[in-house]
């Protein structure tokens, strides 16, 4: 599989499988790490109102900084 680096400006982000993430605070923002195989999922709603479901592989980290999200993942 090929994973692309995504940087998305968002309005809301929902961690669909909330128990499958660990959370910590880093100098770049809030870090969420996927903890379940094969995927943990999140929904990102952009400022235009469109929603996308992303699958994040285990041990990948999602960084949430204000209204920007940075992660290695793939579109569902």
N, C-alpha and C. Protein backbone atom coordinates (compact mmCIF):
# COMPACT_ATOMS: atom_id res chain seq x y z
N UNK A 1 0.84 -1.19 0.00
CA UNK A 1 0.00 0.00 0.00
C UNK A 1 0.88 1.25 0.00
N UNK A 2 0.37 2.28 -0.56
CA UNK A 2 1.08 3.55 -0.58
C UNK A 2 0.28 4.56 0.23
N UNK A 3 0.94 5.19 1.17
CA UNK A 3 0.27 6.19 2.00
C UNK A 3 0.80 7.56 1.62
N UNK A 4 -0.10 8.49 1.49
CA UNK A 4 0.30 9.84 1.12
C UNK A 4 0.20 10.75 2.33
N UNK A 5 1.06 11.74 2.36
CA UNK A 5 1.04 12.71 3.45
C UNK A 5 -0.06 13.72 3.19
N UNK A 6 -0.94 13.89 4.15
CA UNK A 6 -2.08 14.78 3.97
C UNK A 6 -1.98 15.96 4.93
N UNK A 7 -2.22 17.15 4.44
CA UNK A 7 -2.34 18.34 5.27
C UNK A 7 -3.68 18.96 4.92
N UNK A 8 -4.59 18.99 5.88
CA UNK A 8 -5.96 19.42 5.59
C UNK A 8 -6.39 20.48 6.58
N UNK A 9 -6.96 21.55 6.05
CA UNK A 9 -7.57 22.56 6.91
C UNK A 9 -8.98 22.08 7.21
N UNK A 10 -9.36 22.05 8.48
CA UNK A 10 -10.64 21.45 8.80
C UNK A 10 -11.44 22.29 9.78
N UNK A 11 -12.73 21.98 9.83
CA UNK A 11 -13.63 22.62 10.77
C UNK A 11 -13.86 21.72 11.98
N UNK A 12 -14.16 20.45 11.73
CA UNK A 12 -14.29 19.49 12.82
C UNK A 12 -13.62 18.18 12.43
N UNK A 13 -13.17 17.46 13.43
CA UNK A 13 -12.59 16.13 13.20
C UNK A 13 -13.20 15.20 14.23
N UNK A 14 -13.67 14.04 13.77
CA UNK A 14 -14.29 13.06 14.66
C UNK A 14 -13.50 11.77 14.59
N UNK A 15 -13.07 11.30 15.74
CA UNK A 15 -12.35 10.03 15.80
C UNK A 15 -13.40 8.94 15.93
N UNK A 16 -13.68 8.27 14.83
CA UNK A 16 -14.81 7.35 14.72
C UNK A 16 -14.71 6.22 15.73
N UNK A 17 -13.52 5.64 15.83
CA UNK A 17 -13.31 4.57 16.78
C UNK A 17 -12.47 5.14 17.92
N UNK A 18 -13.14 5.85 18.83
CA UNK A 18 -12.47 6.64 19.85
C UNK A 18 -11.56 5.85 20.77
N UNK A 19 -11.83 4.56 20.94
CA UNK A 19 -11.00 3.77 21.84
C UNK A 19 -9.71 3.30 21.17
N UNK A 20 -9.56 3.57 19.88
CA UNK A 20 -8.41 3.06 19.15
C UNK A 20 -7.35 4.13 18.92
N UNK A 21 -7.32 5.12 19.76
CA UNK A 21 -6.35 6.21 19.63
C UNK A 21 -5.71 6.50 20.99
N UNK A 22 -4.42 6.80 20.96
CA UNK A 22 -3.80 7.35 22.16
C UNK A 22 -3.57 8.82 21.88
N UNK A 23 -3.62 9.64 22.92
CA UNK A 23 -3.52 11.08 22.75
C UNK A 23 -2.40 11.63 23.62
N UNK A 24 -1.65 12.57 23.07
CA UNK A 24 -0.62 13.26 23.84
C UNK A 24 -0.46 14.67 23.29
N UNK A 25 0.21 15.49 24.06
CA UNK A 25 0.45 16.87 23.64
C UNK A 25 1.90 16.98 23.21
N UNK A 26 2.11 17.51 22.02
CA UNK A 26 3.47 17.72 21.53
C UNK A 26 3.69 19.19 21.23
N UNK A 27 4.91 19.55 20.86
CA UNK A 27 5.20 20.95 20.57
C UNK A 27 4.55 21.40 19.27
N UNK A 28 4.09 20.46 18.44
CA UNK A 28 3.44 20.82 17.18
C UNK A 28 1.92 20.80 17.27
N UNK A 29 1.37 20.38 18.42
CA UNK A 29 -0.07 20.31 18.56
C UNK A 29 -0.46 19.06 19.33
N UNK A 30 -1.70 18.63 19.18
CA UNK A 30 -2.18 17.42 19.82
C UNK A 30 -1.88 16.24 18.91
N UNK A 31 -1.25 15.22 19.48
CA UNK A 31 -0.86 14.05 18.71
C UNK A 31 -1.82 12.90 19.02
N UNK A 32 -2.37 12.31 17.98
CA UNK A 32 -3.21 11.12 18.13
C UNK A 32 -2.51 9.99 17.40
N UNK A 33 -2.32 8.87 18.08
CA UNK A 33 -1.65 7.73 17.47
C UNK A 33 -2.65 6.59 17.33
N UNK A 34 -2.73 6.02 16.12
CA UNK A 34 -3.63 4.90 15.86
C UNK A 34 -3.08 3.66 16.58
N UNK A 35 -3.93 2.96 17.30
CA UNK A 35 -3.46 1.84 18.11
C UNK A 35 -4.10 0.51 17.73
N UNK A 36 -4.84 0.45 16.65
CA UNK A 36 -5.52 -0.80 16.29
C UNK A 36 -5.21 -1.21 14.87
N UNK A 37 -4.99 -2.50 14.68
CA UNK A 37 -4.88 -3.07 13.34
C UNK A 37 -6.27 -3.51 12.90
N UNK A 38 -6.62 -3.47 11.62
CA UNK A 38 -5.78 -2.90 10.58
C UNK A 38 -5.88 -1.39 10.48
N UNK A 39 -7.01 -0.78 10.92
CA UNK A 39 -7.15 0.66 10.77
C UNK A 39 -7.91 1.28 11.92
N UNK A 40 -7.56 2.49 12.26
CA UNK A 40 -8.40 3.36 13.06
C UNK A 40 -8.96 4.40 12.09
N UNK A 41 -10.14 4.90 12.35
CA UNK A 41 -10.79 5.79 11.38
C UNK A 41 -11.08 7.16 11.98
N UNK A 42 -11.08 8.16 11.13
CA UNK A 42 -11.52 9.49 11.54
C UNK A 42 -12.25 10.16 10.40
N UNK A 43 -13.15 11.04 10.77
CA UNK A 43 -13.91 11.82 9.78
C UNK A 43 -13.46 13.27 9.90
N UNK A 44 -13.10 13.84 8.77
CA UNK A 44 -12.68 15.25 8.73
C UNK A 44 -13.72 16.03 7.95
N UNK A 45 -14.25 17.08 8.59
CA UNK A 45 -15.18 17.98 7.89
C UNK A 45 -14.44 19.27 7.60
N UNK A 46 -14.38 19.62 6.32
CA UNK A 46 -13.66 20.84 5.92
C UNK A 46 -14.52 22.06 6.17
N UNK A 47 -13.90 23.21 6.04
CA UNK A 47 -14.63 24.47 6.25
C UNK A 47 -15.72 24.67 5.21
N UNK A 48 -15.63 23.95 4.07
CA UNK A 48 -16.68 24.04 3.05
C UNK A 48 -17.86 23.14 3.38
N UNK A 49 -17.72 22.31 4.42
CA UNK A 49 -18.81 21.44 4.83
C UNK A 49 -18.70 20.01 4.33
N UNK A 50 -17.75 19.75 3.42
CA UNK A 50 -17.61 18.39 2.91
C UNK A 50 -16.93 17.50 3.96
N UNK A 51 -17.35 16.23 4.01
CA UNK A 51 -16.79 15.29 4.97
C UNK A 51 -16.07 14.17 4.25
N UNK A 52 -14.94 13.73 4.82
CA UNK A 52 -14.20 12.61 4.26
C UNK A 52 -13.85 11.66 5.39
N UNK A 53 -13.92 10.37 5.10
CA UNK A 53 -13.52 9.35 6.05
C UNK A 53 -12.10 8.91 5.70
N UNK A 54 -11.23 8.91 6.69
CA UNK A 54 -9.86 8.48 6.51
C UNK A 54 -9.58 7.27 7.37
N UNK A 55 -8.78 6.35 6.86
CA UNK A 55 -8.32 5.21 7.63
C UNK A 55 -6.85 5.44 7.94
N UNK A 56 -6.49 5.29 9.17
CA UNK A 56 -5.12 5.53 9.59
C UNK A 56 -4.52 4.22 10.09
N UNK A 57 -3.45 3.74 9.46
CA UNK A 57 -2.85 2.47 9.88
C UNK A 57 -2.29 2.54 11.30
N UNK A 58 -2.17 1.38 11.92
CA UNK A 58 -1.64 1.29 13.28
C UNK A 58 -0.26 1.93 13.35
N UNK A 59 -0.02 2.61 14.46
CA UNK A 59 1.25 3.27 14.76
C UNK A 59 1.52 4.52 13.93
N UNK A 60 0.55 4.95 13.14
CA UNK A 60 0.69 6.23 12.45
C UNK A 60 0.18 7.33 13.38
N UNK A 61 0.75 8.51 13.25
CA UNK A 61 0.38 9.62 14.12
C UNK A 61 -0.34 10.70 13.33
N UNK A 62 -1.38 11.25 13.94
CA UNK A 62 -2.14 12.37 13.40
C UNK A 62 -1.84 13.58 14.28
N UNK A 63 -1.46 14.69 13.67
CA UNK A 63 -1.18 15.91 14.43
C UNK A 63 -2.29 16.92 14.15
N UNK A 64 -2.95 17.39 15.21
CA UNK A 64 -3.99 18.40 15.08
C UNK A 64 -3.47 19.70 15.67
N UNK A 65 -3.36 20.72 14.82
CA UNK A 65 -2.83 22.01 15.25
C UNK A 65 -3.81 23.10 14.82
N UNK A 66 -4.54 23.61 15.79
CA UNK A 66 -5.57 24.61 15.54
C UNK A 66 -6.56 24.08 14.52
N UNK A 67 -6.59 24.63 13.31
CA UNK A 67 -7.55 24.14 12.31
C UNK A 67 -6.87 23.40 11.17
N UNK A 68 -5.69 22.87 11.43
CA UNK A 68 -4.96 22.11 10.41
C UNK A 68 -4.64 20.73 10.96
N UNK A 69 -4.83 19.71 10.14
CA UNK A 69 -4.52 18.34 10.53
C UNK A 69 -3.46 17.79 9.59
N UNK A 70 -2.45 17.13 10.15
CA UNK A 70 -1.36 16.54 9.38
C UNK A 70 -1.37 15.05 9.69
N UNK A 71 -1.41 14.20 8.69
CA UNK A 71 -1.33 12.77 8.98
C UNK A 71 -0.93 11.95 7.77
N UNK A 72 -0.46 10.75 8.11
CA UNK A 72 -0.19 9.74 7.10
C UNK A 72 -1.36 8.79 7.15
N UNK A 73 -2.11 8.68 6.10
CA UNK A 73 -3.28 7.83 6.10
C UNK A 73 -3.78 7.65 4.68
N UNK A 74 -4.97 7.15 4.56
CA UNK A 74 -5.54 7.02 3.23
C UNK A 74 -7.04 7.28 3.29
N UNK A 75 -7.58 7.73 2.17
CA UNK A 75 -9.02 7.92 2.08
C UNK A 75 -9.71 6.58 2.13
N UNK A 76 -10.84 6.52 2.78
CA UNK A 76 -11.58 5.26 2.85
C UNK A 76 -12.17 4.92 1.49
